[in-house]
Amino acid sequence: MNRKIRIAIAEPSLIIRTGLMSVLKRMTSLPMDIYELLELSNIELLLIKYKPDILIINPVYLGNATLETLKHNHKLANTKYVALQSSMLNIQLLKQYDRIINITFSAEQIKEILSKLVFTKEQTDSFDLSAREKDIVVAITEGLTNKEIATKLHISINTVMTHRKNISAKLNIHSPAGLILYAIANKLIEV
């Protein structure tokens, strides 16, 4: 990608918004222009003005409006919509979005999500998990031990451990809780 990625952030909390902007600005390997959408009443005009590649928005910020209405009104076909989750939200509401960023995600997780949204499949293949690795992630989210995963998937415990190391290296996630958030965000499991 030759030009910078245009990212618009619509989040009412100054602390969360500036924190996210700070994290994004540190991602020097991902060139981007960042815009703040401070007032919901002007959001459609600002989206037309900035034409963002990605809109990161707190679903609560929309209030009674829906994402579908927003998409329909500003008609920017190439814009990707990312839910900024700072509290427990209805899973059906989150399914409307292209991706989810939880405020507990690391900078690497956020970078991976944004990269997958704007780069081609070939450019992001190095981040993708294999089908077997996805099976392991789902099993981990179910609370299974390495031995139980091995039995369930008909593989050895050593193979399970190798897959877990590869998953941790690819995703930079080192806890079951982080894997649960990843699995929800990437629609591997439903809540």
N, C-alpha and C. Protein backbone atom coordinates (compact mmCIF):
# COMPACT_ATOMS: atom_id res chain seq x y z
N MET A 1 0.85 -1.18 0.00
CA MET A 1 0.00 0.00 0.00
C MET A 1 0.89 1.23 0.00
N ASN A 2 0.71 2.10 -0.99
CA ASN A 2 1.57 3.27 -1.14
C ASN A 2 1.12 4.45 -0.29
N ARG A 3 -0.16 4.59 -0.08
CA ARG A 3 -0.65 5.72 0.69
C ARG A 3 -0.89 5.31 2.14
N LYS A 4 -1.11 6.32 2.96
CA LYS A 4 -1.39 6.04 4.37
C LYS A 4 -2.82 5.54 4.54
N ILE A 5 -3.00 4.69 5.54
CA ILE A 5 -4.33 4.20 5.89
C ILE A 5 -5.04 5.32 6.64
N ARG A 6 -6.27 5.63 6.23
CA ARG A 6 -7.06 6.66 6.92
C ARG A 6 -7.94 5.97 7.96
N ILE A 7 -7.70 6.32 9.23
CA ILE A 7 -8.46 5.72 10.33
C ILE A 7 -9.20 6.82 11.08
N ALA A 8 -10.51 6.65 11.22
CA ALA A 8 -11.33 7.58 12.00
C ALA A 8 -11.75 6.88 13.29
N ILE A 9 -11.68 7.61 14.39
CA ILE A 9 -12.03 7.06 15.70
C ILE A 9 -13.22 7.82 16.26
N ALA A 10 -14.29 7.11 16.56
CA ALA A 10 -15.48 7.70 17.18
C ALA A 10 -15.67 7.05 18.54
N GLU A 11 -15.20 7.72 19.56
CA GLU A 11 -15.24 7.21 20.94
C GLU A 11 -15.47 8.39 21.86
N PRO A 12 -16.55 8.39 22.66
CA PRO A 12 -16.83 9.55 23.51
C PRO A 12 -15.86 9.75 24.66
N SER A 13 -15.22 8.69 25.13
CA SER A 13 -14.31 8.81 26.26
C SER A 13 -12.95 9.36 25.81
N LEU A 14 -12.59 10.51 26.34
CA LEU A 14 -11.30 11.13 26.00
C LEU A 14 -10.14 10.21 26.34
N ILE A 15 -10.21 9.55 27.49
CA ILE A 15 -9.12 8.69 27.92
C ILE A 15 -8.95 7.51 26.97
N ILE A 16 -10.04 6.85 26.63
CA ILE A 16 -9.96 5.69 25.73
C ILE A 16 -9.53 6.15 24.34
N ARG A 17 -10.12 7.24 23.85
CA ARG A 17 -9.82 7.74 22.50
C ARG A 17 -8.34 8.13 22.37
N THR A 18 -7.85 8.91 23.31
CA THR A 18 -6.45 9.34 23.22
C THR A 18 -5.49 8.18 23.47
N GLY A 19 -5.90 7.24 24.31
CA GLY A 19 -5.07 6.05 24.53
C GLY A 19 -4.94 5.23 23.26
N LEU A 20 -6.05 5.03 22.57
CA LEU A 20 -6.02 4.28 21.31
C LEU A 20 -5.20 5.02 20.26
N MET A 21 -5.37 6.34 20.20
CA MET A 21 -4.59 7.13 19.23
C MET A 21 -3.09 7.02 19.52
N SER A 22 -2.73 7.03 20.78
CA SER A 22 -1.33 6.90 21.17
C SER A 22 -0.76 5.56 20.74
N VAL A 23 -1.54 4.50 20.96
CA VAL A 23 -1.10 3.16 20.54
C VAL A 23 -0.93 3.12 19.02
N LEU A 24 -1.90 3.67 18.29
CA LEU A 24 -1.83 3.66 16.82
C LEU A 24 -0.63 4.45 16.30
N LYS A 25 -0.35 5.58 16.91
CA LYS A 25 0.76 6.42 16.44
C LYS A 25 2.12 5.76 16.65
N ARG A 26 2.20 4.82 17.58
CA ARG A 26 3.46 4.10 17.82
C ARG A 26 3.70 3.00 16.79
N MET A 27 2.69 2.69 15.99
CA MET A 27 2.81 1.64 14.98
C MET A 27 3.44 2.22 13.72
N THR A 28 4.72 2.48 13.78
CA THR A 28 5.41 3.15 12.67
C THR A 28 5.49 2.28 11.42
N SER A 29 5.36 0.97 11.56
CA SER A 29 5.42 0.10 10.38
C SER A 29 4.09 0.08 9.62
N LEU A 30 3.09 0.69 10.18
CA LEU A 30 1.77 0.76 9.55
C LEU A 30 1.44 2.25 9.36
N PRO A 31 1.78 2.82 8.18
CA PRO A 31 1.57 4.26 7.99
C PRO A 31 0.09 4.62 7.98
N MET A 32 -0.28 5.61 8.79
CA MET A 32 -1.70 5.97 8.89
C MET A 32 -1.90 7.43 9.24
N ASP A 33 -3.05 7.93 8.82
CA ASP A 33 -3.56 9.23 9.25
C ASP A 33 -4.74 8.94 10.15
N ILE A 34 -4.78 9.61 11.30
CA ILE A 34 -5.82 9.33 12.29
C ILE A 34 -6.69 10.57 12.47
N TYR A 35 -7.99 10.35 12.45
CA TYR A 35 -8.95 11.44 12.62
C TYR A 35 -9.86 11.12 13.80
N GLU A 36 -10.17 12.16 14.59
CA GLU A 36 -11.09 12.01 15.71
C GLU A 36 -12.46 12.49 15.28
N LEU A 37 -13.47 11.70 15.55
CA LEU A 37 -14.85 12.11 15.29
C LEU A 37 -15.48 12.38 16.66
N LEU A 38 -15.50 13.65 17.03
CA LEU A 38 -15.86 14.00 18.39
C LEU A 38 -17.36 14.12 18.63
N GLU A 39 -18.12 14.51 17.60
CA GLU A 39 -19.55 14.73 17.80
C GLU A 39 -20.35 13.79 16.93
N LEU A 40 -21.22 13.04 17.54
CA LEU A 40 -22.05 12.09 16.81
C LEU A 40 -22.94 12.80 15.79
N SER A 41 -23.37 14.02 16.11
CA SER A 41 -24.27 14.76 15.21
C SER A 41 -23.60 15.06 13.87
N ASN A 42 -22.26 15.16 13.84
CA ASN A 42 -21.54 15.46 12.61
C ASN A 42 -20.85 14.25 11.99
N ILE A 43 -21.10 13.07 12.52
CA ILE A 43 -20.32 11.90 12.10
C ILE A 43 -20.45 11.62 10.61
N GLU A 44 -21.66 11.76 10.06
CA GLU A 44 -21.83 11.46 8.63
C GLU A 44 -21.06 12.45 7.76
N LEU A 45 -21.08 13.73 8.13
CA LEU A 45 -20.33 14.74 7.37
C LEU A 45 -18.83 14.49 7.46
N LEU A 46 -18.37 14.14 8.64
CA LEU A 46 -16.95 13.88 8.83
C LEU A 46 -16.50 12.64 8.07
N LEU A 47 -17.35 11.62 8.01
CA LEU A 47 -17.01 10.41 7.26
C LEU A 47 -16.89 10.73 5.76
N ILE A 48 -17.77 11.56 5.26
CA ILE A 48 -17.70 11.97 3.85
C ILE A 48 -16.44 12.79 3.61
N LYS A 49 -16.11 13.66 4.56
CA LYS A 49 -14.93 14.52 4.42
C LYS A 49 -13.63 13.70 4.45
N TYR A 50 -13.48 12.81 5.41
CA TYR A 50 -12.23 12.07 5.59
C TYR A 50 -12.14 10.79 4.76
N LYS A 51 -13.29 10.23 4.38
CA LYS A 51 -13.32 8.96 3.62
C LYS A 51 -12.37 7.92 4.24
N PRO A 52 -12.62 7.54 5.49
CA PRO A 52 -11.69 6.62 6.15
C PRO A 52 -11.70 5.22 5.54
N ASP A 53 -10.55 4.58 5.59
CA ASP A 53 -10.46 3.16 5.22
C ASP A 53 -11.07 2.32 6.34
N ILE A 54 -10.87 2.80 7.58
CA ILE A 54 -11.36 2.09 8.76
C ILE A 54 -12.02 3.09 9.70
N LEU A 55 -13.22 2.76 10.16
CA LEU A 55 -13.88 3.53 11.21
C LEU A 55 -13.88 2.66 12.46
N ILE A 56 -13.19 3.13 13.48
CA ILE A 56 -13.19 2.45 14.78
C ILE A 56 -14.20 3.21 15.64
N ILE A 57 -15.26 2.50 16.02
CA ILE A 57 -16.34 3.19 16.73
C ILE A 57 -16.83 2.36 17.91
N ASN A 58 -17.08 3.04 19.01
CA ASN A 58 -17.70 2.40 20.16
C ASN A 58 -19.18 2.25 19.83
N PRO A 59 -19.70 1.02 19.74
CA PRO A 59 -21.11 0.84 19.37
C PRO A 59 -22.08 1.60 20.27
N VAL A 60 -21.70 1.80 21.53
CA VAL A 60 -22.54 2.55 22.46
C VAL A 60 -22.68 4.00 22.00
N TYR A 61 -21.65 4.52 21.33
CA TYR A 61 -21.63 5.90 20.85
C TYR A 61 -22.75 6.17 19.85
N LEU A 62 -23.17 5.16 19.12
CA LEU A 62 -24.24 5.34 18.13
C LEU A 62 -25.60 5.56 18.77
N GLY A 63 -25.74 5.18 20.04
CA GLY A 63 -27.02 5.37 20.72
C GLY A 63 -28.11 4.56 20.04
N ASN A 64 -29.20 5.24 19.68
CA ASN A 64 -30.33 4.56 19.03
C ASN A 64 -30.09 4.32 17.55
N ALA A 65 -29.11 5.00 16.97
CA ALA A 65 -28.80 4.78 15.56
C ALA A 65 -28.16 3.41 15.40
N THR A 66 -28.20 2.87 14.20
CA THR A 66 -27.59 1.56 13.97
C THR A 66 -26.44 1.70 13.00
N LEU A 67 -25.58 0.73 13.01
CA LEU A 67 -24.45 0.72 12.08
C LEU A 67 -24.97 0.66 10.64
N GLU A 68 -26.04 -0.11 10.42
CA GLU A 68 -26.60 -0.23 9.07
C GLU A 68 -27.06 1.13 8.55
N THR A 69 -27.69 1.93 9.41
CA THR A 69 -28.12 3.27 9.01
C THR A 69 -26.92 4.12 8.65
N LEU A 70 -25.88 4.05 9.46
CA LEU A 70 -24.67 4.82 9.20
C LEU A 70 -24.03 4.40 7.87
N LYS A 71 -23.94 3.10 7.64
CA LYS A 71 -23.37 2.59 6.38
C LYS A 71 -24.20 3.07 5.19
N HIS A 72 -25.51 2.99 5.33
CA HIS A 72 -26.41 3.37 4.23
C HIS A 72 -26.31 4.87 3.92
N ASN A 73 -26.24 5.68 4.97
CA ASN A 73 -26.26 7.13 4.78
C ASN A 73 -24.98 7.70 4.18
N HIS A 74 -23.82 7.16 4.53
CA HIS A 74 -22.61 7.79 3.98
C HIS A 74 -22.02 7.05 2.79
N LYS A 75 -22.50 5.85 2.50
CA LYS A 75 -22.19 5.13 1.26
C LYS A 75 -20.71 5.11 0.87
N LEU A 76 -19.85 4.82 1.82
CA LEU A 76 -18.43 4.63 1.51
C LEU A 76 -18.19 3.13 1.48
N ALA A 77 -18.25 2.58 0.30
CA ALA A 77 -18.23 1.13 0.11
C ALA A 77 -16.97 0.46 0.64
N ASN A 78 -15.85 1.14 0.62
CA ASN A 78 -14.59 0.51 1.00
C ASN A 78 -14.25 0.66 2.49
N THR A 79 -15.05 1.39 3.23
CA THR A 79 -14.79 1.59 4.65
C THR A 79 -15.06 0.30 5.41
N LYS A 80 -14.13 -0.07 6.28
CA LYS A 80 -14.30 -1.21 7.18
C LYS A 80 -14.70 -0.67 8.55
N TYR A 81 -15.57 -1.39 9.23
CA TYR A 81 -16.10 -0.94 10.51
C TYR A 81 -15.61 -1.84 11.62
N VAL A 82 -14.97 -1.22 12.62
CA VAL A 82 -14.41 -1.96 13.74
C VAL A 82 -15.08 -1.49 15.02
N ALA A 83 -15.64 -2.42 15.77
CA ALA A 83 -16.26 -2.10 17.05
C ALA A 83 -15.16 -1.95 18.10
N LEU A 84 -15.16 -0.83 18.80
CA LEU A 84 -14.25 -0.62 19.92
C LEU A 84 -15.01 -1.00 21.18
N GLN A 85 -14.68 -2.16 21.71
CA GLN A 85 -15.42 -2.71 22.84
C GLN A 85 -14.74 -2.34 24.15
N SER A 86 -15.45 -1.50 24.93
CA SER A 86 -14.91 -1.10 26.23
C SER A 86 -15.77 -1.62 27.37
N SER A 87 -16.86 -2.31 27.03
CA SER A 87 -17.74 -2.89 28.04
C SER A 87 -18.43 -4.11 27.42
N MET A 88 -19.18 -4.82 28.23
CA MET A 88 -19.91 -5.99 27.72
C MET A 88 -20.99 -5.51 26.77
N LEU A 89 -21.03 -6.09 25.57
CA LEU A 89 -22.02 -5.72 24.58
C LEU A 89 -22.69 -6.97 24.04
N ASN A 90 -23.89 -6.79 23.52
CA ASN A 90 -24.64 -7.87 22.90
C ASN A 90 -23.85 -8.41 21.72
N ILE A 91 -23.65 -9.73 21.68
CA ILE A 91 -22.87 -10.35 20.61
C ILE A 91 -23.52 -10.13 19.25
N GLN A 92 -24.84 -10.05 19.20
CA GLN A 92 -25.53 -9.78 17.93
C GLN A 92 -25.18 -8.40 17.40
N LEU A 93 -25.05 -7.45 18.30
CA LEU A 93 -24.65 -6.09 17.92
C LEU A 93 -23.25 -6.10 17.33
N LEU A 94 -22.34 -6.86 17.93
CA LEU A 94 -20.95 -6.89 17.48
C LEU A 94 -20.78 -7.60 16.14
N LYS A 95 -21.70 -8.51 15.80
CA LYS A 95 -21.60 -9.25 14.55
C LYS A 95 -21.77 -8.35 13.32
N GLN A 96 -22.32 -7.15 13.50
CA GLN A 96 -22.50 -6.22 12.39
C GLN A 96 -21.17 -5.66 11.90
N TYR A 97 -20.15 -5.71 12.74
CA TYR A 97 -18.87 -5.08 12.44
C TYR A 97 -17.92 -6.04 11.73
N ASP A 98 -16.98 -5.47 10.99
CA ASP A 98 -15.99 -6.28 10.29
C ASP A 98 -15.02 -6.94 11.27
N ARG A 99 -14.69 -6.24 12.33
CA ARG A 99 -13.79 -6.75 13.37
C ARG A 99 -14.14 -6.09 14.69
N ILE A 100 -13.53 -6.61 15.75
CA ILE A 100 -13.71 -6.06 17.10
C ILE A 100 -12.34 -5.80 17.69
N ILE A 101 -12.19 -4.63 18.30
CA ILE A 101 -10.99 -4.34 19.10
C ILE A 101 -11.47 -4.12 20.52
N ASN A 102 -10.97 -4.92 21.43
CA ASN A 102 -11.29 -4.76 22.84
C ASN A 102 -10.22 -3.89 23.47
N ILE A 103 -10.60 -3.08 24.45
CA ILE A 103 -9.61 -2.17 25.05
C ILE A 103 -8.51 -2.91 25.79
N THR A 104 -8.66 -4.21 25.99
CA THR A 104 -7.61 -4.99 26.64
C THR A 104 -6.60 -5.57 25.65
N PHE A 105 -6.84 -5.40 24.34
CA PHE A 105 -5.94 -5.96 23.33
C PHE A 105 -4.59 -5.26 23.35
N SER A 106 -3.56 -6.02 23.03
CA SER A 106 -2.21 -5.46 22.95
C SER A 106 -2.05 -4.70 21.64
N ALA A 107 -0.99 -3.92 21.55
CA ALA A 107 -0.69 -3.17 20.33
C ALA A 107 -0.53 -4.11 19.14
N GLU A 108 0.10 -5.26 19.37
CA GLU A 108 0.29 -6.24 18.29
C GLU A 108 -1.04 -6.80 17.80
N GLN A 109 -1.95 -7.07 18.71
CA GLN A 109 -3.26 -7.58 18.31
C GLN A 109 -4.01 -6.54 17.48
N ILE A 110 -3.95 -5.28 17.91
CA ILE A 110 -4.63 -4.20 17.18
C ILE A 110 -4.00 -4.04 15.80
N LYS A 111 -2.68 -4.07 15.74
CA LYS A 111 -1.98 -3.94 14.46
C LYS A 111 -2.38 -5.07 13.51
N GLU A 112 -2.46 -6.28 14.03
CA GLU A 112 -2.84 -7.43 13.21
C GLU A 112 -4.25 -7.27 12.65
N ILE A 113 -5.17 -6.83 13.50
CA ILE A 113 -6.56 -6.64 13.06
C ILE A 113 -6.63 -5.58 11.97
N LEU A 114 -5.96 -4.45 12.18
CA LEU A 114 -5.98 -3.38 11.18
C LEU A 114 -5.31 -3.81 9.88
N SER A 115 -4.20 -4.54 9.99
CA SER A 115 -3.49 -5.02 8.81
C SER A 115 -4.37 -5.95 7.98
N LYS A 116 -5.08 -6.83 8.65
CA LYS A 116 -5.94 -7.77 7.94
C LYS A 116 -7.08 -7.05 7.22
N LEU A 117 -7.49 -5.92 7.74
CA LEU A 117 -8.58 -5.18 7.11
C LEU A 117 -8.14 -4.45 5.85
N VAL A 118 -6.88 -4.01 5.81
CA VAL A 118 -6.48 -3.16 4.69
C VAL A 118 -5.52 -3.80 3.70
N PHE A 119 -4.84 -4.86 4.08
CA PHE A 119 -3.89 -5.49 3.17
C PHE A 119 -4.50 -6.70 2.52
N THR A 120 -3.91 -7.13 1.43
CA THR A 120 -4.42 -8.29 0.69
C THR A 120 -4.18 -9.56 1.47
N LYS A 121 -4.84 -10.62 1.06
CA LYS A 121 -4.71 -11.93 1.71
C LYS A 121 -3.26 -12.39 1.74
N GLU A 122 -2.54 -12.20 0.63
CA GLU A 122 -1.15 -12.66 0.58
C GLU A 122 -0.28 -11.92 1.59
N GLN A 123 -0.60 -10.65 1.81
CA GLN A 123 0.21 -9.87 2.75
C GLN A 123 -0.04 -10.26 4.19
N THR A 124 -1.20 -10.86 4.48
CA THR A 124 -1.53 -11.19 5.87
C THR A 124 -1.45 -12.68 6.18
N ASP A 125 -1.10 -13.52 5.19
CA ASP A 125 -1.06 -14.96 5.42
C ASP A 125 -0.14 -15.35 6.57
N SER A 126 0.93 -14.60 6.78
CA SER A 126 1.87 -14.95 7.85
C SER A 126 1.23 -14.83 9.23
N PHE A 127 0.11 -14.06 9.35
CA PHE A 127 -0.58 -13.93 10.63
C PHE A 127 -1.66 -14.97 10.81
N ASP A 128 -2.11 -15.60 9.72
CA ASP A 128 -3.25 -16.50 9.77
C ASP A 128 -2.90 -17.81 10.46
N LEU A 129 -3.88 -18.31 11.19
CA LEU A 129 -3.72 -19.61 11.83
C LEU A 129 -4.17 -20.69 10.86
N SER A 130 -3.54 -21.85 10.96
CA SER A 130 -3.97 -23.00 10.17
C SER A 130 -5.29 -23.52 10.75
N ALA A 131 -5.95 -24.39 10.01
CA ALA A 131 -7.21 -24.97 10.48
C ALA A 131 -6.99 -25.71 11.81
N ARG A 132 -5.89 -26.45 11.91
CA ARG A 132 -5.60 -27.20 13.14
C ARG A 132 -5.34 -26.23 14.30
N GLU A 133 -4.61 -25.15 14.04
CA GLU A 133 -4.35 -24.16 15.09
C GLU A 133 -5.66 -23.52 15.57
N LYS A 134 -6.59 -23.30 14.65
CA LYS A 134 -7.90 -22.77 15.04
C LYS A 134 -8.64 -23.77 15.91
N ASP A 135 -8.53 -25.06 15.58
CA ASP A 135 -9.14 -26.11 16.41
C ASP A 135 -8.56 -26.08 17.82
N ILE A 136 -7.26 -25.88 17.91
CA ILE A 136 -6.58 -25.81 19.22
C ILE A 136 -7.09 -24.60 20.00
N VAL A 137 -7.21 -23.44 19.34
CA VAL A 137 -7.70 -22.23 20.01
C VAL A 137 -9.10 -22.48 20.56
N VAL A 138 -9.98 -23.06 19.76
CA VAL A 138 -11.34 -23.35 20.21
C VAL A 138 -11.31 -24.28 21.41
N ALA A 139 -10.48 -25.30 21.37
CA ALA A 139 -10.37 -26.24 22.49
C ALA A 139 -9.86 -25.54 23.75
N ILE A 140 -8.92 -24.63 23.59
CA ILE A 140 -8.40 -23.88 24.74
C ILE A 140 -9.51 -23.02 25.34
N THR A 141 -10.32 -22.40 24.48
CA THR A 141 -11.41 -21.56 24.99
C THR A 141 -12.47 -22.38 25.71
N GLU A 142 -12.51 -23.68 25.41
CA GLU A 142 -13.44 -24.58 26.12
C GLU A 142 -12.87 -25.02 27.46
N GLY A 143 -11.64 -24.61 27.74
CA GLY A 143 -11.03 -24.94 29.02
C GLY A 143 -10.37 -26.30 29.07
N LEU A 144 -10.11 -26.90 27.92
CA LEU A 144 -9.50 -28.23 27.89
C LEU A 144 -8.00 -28.16 28.18
N THR A 145 -7.50 -29.20 28.82
CA THR A 145 -6.06 -29.31 29.07
C THR A 145 -5.37 -29.81 27.80
N ASN A 146 -4.05 -29.78 27.80
CA ASN A 146 -3.30 -30.29 26.64
C ASN A 146 -3.66 -31.76 26.37
N LYS A 147 -3.76 -32.56 27.43
CA LYS A 147 -4.08 -33.98 27.27
C LYS A 147 -5.48 -34.16 26.69
N GLU A 148 -6.44 -33.35 27.18
CA GLU A 148 -7.81 -33.44 26.67
C GLU A 148 -7.90 -32.99 25.21
N ILE A 149 -7.13 -31.97 24.86
CA ILE A 149 -7.09 -31.50 23.47
C ILE A 149 -6.52 -32.59 22.57
N ALA A 150 -5.44 -33.21 23.03
CA ALA A 150 -4.81 -34.29 22.25
C ALA A 150 -5.79 -35.43 22.02
N THR A 151 -6.51 -35.81 23.05
CA THR A 151 -7.50 -36.90 22.92
C THR A 151 -8.63 -36.49 21.97
N LYS A 152 -9.13 -35.30 22.14
CA LYS A 152 -10.25 -34.82 21.31
C LYS A 152 -9.87 -34.75 19.83
N LEU A 153 -8.64 -34.26 19.54
CA LEU A 153 -8.23 -34.05 18.15
C LEU A 153 -7.42 -35.22 17.59
N HIS A 154 -7.22 -36.25 18.40
CA HIS A 154 -6.49 -37.46 17.97
C HIS A 154 -5.06 -37.12 17.51
N ILE A 155 -4.38 -36.33 18.34
CA ILE A 155 -2.97 -35.98 18.10
C ILE A 155 -2.21 -36.17 19.40
N SER A 156 -0.89 -36.09 19.33
CA SER A 156 -0.09 -36.27 20.55
C SER A 156 -0.06 -34.99 21.37
N ILE A 157 0.27 -35.14 22.64
CA ILE A 157 0.39 -33.98 23.53
C ILE A 157 1.51 -33.06 23.03
N ASN A 158 2.61 -33.66 22.53
CA ASN A 158 3.70 -32.84 21.99
C ASN A 158 3.24 -31.99 20.81
N THR A 159 2.38 -32.55 19.97
CA THR A 159 1.85 -31.79 18.83
C THR A 159 0.98 -30.64 19.33
N VAL A 160 0.18 -30.89 20.35
CA VAL A 160 -0.64 -29.82 20.95
C VAL A 160 0.25 -28.71 21.46
N MET A 161 1.31 -29.07 22.19
CA MET A 161 2.23 -28.07 22.75
C MET A 161 2.92 -27.27 21.65
N THR A 162 3.31 -27.94 20.56
CA THR A 162 3.93 -27.25 19.43
C THR A 162 2.95 -26.26 18.81
N HIS A 163 1.71 -26.70 18.60
CA HIS A 163 0.69 -25.80 18.06
C HIS A 163 0.47 -24.60 18.97
N ARG A 164 0.43 -24.85 20.27
CA ARG A 164 0.22 -23.74 21.22
C ARG A 164 1.36 -22.73 21.14
N LYS A 165 2.59 -23.22 21.02
CA LYS A 165 3.74 -22.30 20.87
C LYS A 165 3.61 -21.50 19.59
N ASN A 166 3.23 -22.15 18.49
CA ASN A 166 3.08 -21.45 17.21
C ASN A 166 1.96 -20.41 17.27
N ILE A 167 0.86 -20.76 17.94
CA ILE A 167 -0.26 -19.83 18.09
C ILE A 167 0.20 -18.60 18.87
N SER A 168 0.90 -18.84 19.98
CA SER A 168 1.41 -17.72 20.79
C SER A 168 2.35 -16.83 19.99
N ALA A 169 3.21 -17.44 19.19
CA ALA A 169 4.16 -16.68 18.39
C ALA A 169 3.45 -15.87 17.30
N LYS A 170 2.48 -16.47 16.64
CA LYS A 170 1.78 -15.77 15.56
C LYS A 170 0.91 -14.63 16.08
N LEU A 171 0.20 -14.88 17.18
CA LEU A 171 -0.77 -13.91 17.68
C LEU A 171 -0.22 -13.00 18.78
N ASN A 172 0.91 -13.39 19.35
CA ASN A 172 1.47 -12.66 20.48
C ASN A 172 0.46 -12.62 21.64
N ILE A 173 -0.23 -13.73 21.83
CA ILE A 173 -1.20 -13.88 22.92
C ILE A 173 -0.69 -15.02 23.79
N HIS A 174 -0.59 -14.77 25.09
CA HIS A 174 0.02 -15.75 25.97
C HIS A 174 -0.88 -16.19 27.12
N SER A 175 -2.20 -15.93 27.00
CA SER A 175 -3.11 -16.34 28.07
C SER A 175 -4.40 -16.88 27.47
N PRO A 176 -5.05 -17.79 28.19
CA PRO A 176 -6.35 -18.29 27.72
C PRO A 176 -7.38 -17.16 27.55
N ALA A 177 -7.36 -16.19 28.45
CA ALA A 177 -8.31 -15.07 28.35
C ALA A 177 -8.08 -14.29 27.05
N GLY A 178 -6.83 -14.06 26.70
CA GLY A 178 -6.51 -13.38 25.45
C GLY A 178 -6.98 -14.17 24.24
N LEU A 179 -6.82 -15.50 24.32
CA LEU A 179 -7.28 -16.36 23.21
C LEU A 179 -8.80 -16.35 23.10
N ILE A 180 -9.48 -16.26 24.21
CA ILE A 180 -10.95 -16.18 24.17
C ILE A 180 -11.37 -14.91 23.45
N LEU A 181 -10.75 -13.78 23.80
CA LEU A 181 -11.07 -12.51 23.12
C LEU A 181 -10.75 -12.60 21.64
N TYR A 182 -9.62 -13.20 21.31
CA TYR A 182 -9.24 -13.37 19.90
C TYR A 182 -10.27 -14.23 19.17
N ALA A 183 -10.67 -15.34 19.80
CA ALA A 183 -11.63 -16.25 19.18
C ALA A 183 -12.98 -15.60 18.95
N ILE A 184 -13.43 -14.76 19.89
CA ILE A 184 -14.69 -14.04 19.73
C ILE A 184 -14.54 -13.02 18.60
N ALA A 185 -13.46 -12.24 18.64
CA ALA A 185 -13.26 -11.19 17.64
C ALA A 185 -13.14 -11.75 16.24
N ASN A 186 -12.60 -12.95 16.11
CA ASN A 186 -12.41 -13.55 14.79
C ASN A 186 -13.46 -14.60 14.46
N LYS A 187 -14.54 -14.58 15.25
CA LYS A 187 -15.70 -15.44 15.00
C LYS A 187 -15.38 -16.94 14.98
N LEU A 188 -14.42 -17.35 15.80
CA LEU A 188 -14.14 -18.78 15.94
C LEU A 188 -15.11 -19.42 16.92
N ILE A 189 -15.58 -18.61 17.88
CA ILE A 189 -16.58 -19.07 18.84
C ILE A 189 -17.65 -18.00 18.99
N GLU A 190 -18.79 -18.39 19.51
CA GLU A 190 -19.85 -17.45 19.82
C GLU A 190 -20.08 -17.45 21.31
N VAL A 191 -20.44 -16.28 21.82
CA VAL A 191 -20.70 -16.16 23.25
C VAL A 191 -22.14 -16.51 23.52
